[in-house]
Amino acid sequence: MNHKKVHATKCYFGKRFDTLGELKQTIHEYIHYYNNERIQVKLKGPSPAEYRTQSSS
């Protein structure tokens, strides 16, 4: 299994959703977190969004 599938599965595995909309919202929130907020060790600390801001300055 590739790492993207593992990360995506973490956001919803073992949880119960009453509607498809709840599942979609959870996945959307996780993707936002993953792409913008999580700390990236290989970037030496900043989140991806912070890194992009620093790089473009």
Protein backbone atom coordinates (compact mmCIF):
# COMPACT_ATOMS: atom_id res chain seq x y z
CA MET A 1 0.00 0.00 0.00
CA ASN A 2 1.45 3.38 -0.88
CA HIS A 3 1.97 6.02 1.81
CA LYS A 4 -0.82 8.32 0.54
CA LYS A 5 -3.38 5.56 1.01
CA VAL A 6 -2.06 4.87 4.51
CA HIS A 7 -2.37 8.55 5.49
CA ALA A 8 -5.85 8.88 3.99
CA THR A 9 -7.02 5.73 5.73
CA LYS A 10 -5.84 7.07 9.11
CA CYS A 11 -8.37 9.90 8.97
CA TYR A 12 -11.40 7.62 8.81
CA PHE A 13 -10.42 4.06 9.78
CA GLY A 14 -12.37 2.81 12.78
CA LYS A 15 -14.76 5.78 12.81
CA ARG A 16 -18.47 5.64 12.13
CA PHE A 17 -20.16 8.18 9.90
CA ASP A 18 -23.91 8.67 9.75
CA THR A 19 -23.80 10.13 6.25
CA LEU A 20 -21.58 10.15 3.21
CA GLY A 21 -21.33 13.92 3.71
CA GLU A 22 -19.71 13.42 7.13
CA LEU A 23 -17.13 11.08 5.61
CA LYS A 24 -16.39 13.53 2.79
CA GLN A 25 -16.01 16.40 5.27
CA THR A 26 -13.62 14.36 7.42
CA ILE A 27 -11.49 13.49 4.40
CA HIS A 28 -11.52 17.13 3.21
CA GLU A 29 -10.39 18.34 6.66
CA TYR A 30 -7.62 15.75 6.79
CA ILE A 31 -6.34 16.69 3.33
CA HIS A 32 -6.28 20.36 4.37
CA TYR A 33 -4.39 19.45 7.55
CA TYR A 34 -1.96 17.21 5.67
CA ASN A 35 -1.21 19.76 2.95
CA ASN A 36 -1.12 22.91 5.09
CA GLU A 37 -0.72 22.38 8.82
CA ARG A 38 1.23 19.25 9.72
CA ILE A 39 4.86 19.66 10.70
CA GLN A 40 7.21 18.28 8.05
CA VAL A 41 10.43 16.83 9.47
CA LYS A 42 12.18 16.95 6.11
CA LEU A 43 11.38 20.69 5.90
CA LYS A 44 13.06 21.07 9.32
CA GLY A 45 10.00 22.19 11.25
CA PRO A 46 7.56 24.44 9.40
CA SER A 47 4.27 23.23 8.03
CA PRO A 48 4.07 22.92 4.25
CA ALA A 49 2.10 26.20 4.05
CA GLU A 50 4.68 28.03 6.19
CA TYR A 51 7.47 26.58 4.07
CA ARG A 52 5.81 27.76 0.85
CA THR A 53 5.41 31.25 2.33
CA GLN A 54 9.07 31.35 3.40
CA SER A 55 10.25 30.06 0.03
CA SER A 56 8.34 32.68 -1.94
CA SER A 57 9.62 35.61 0.15
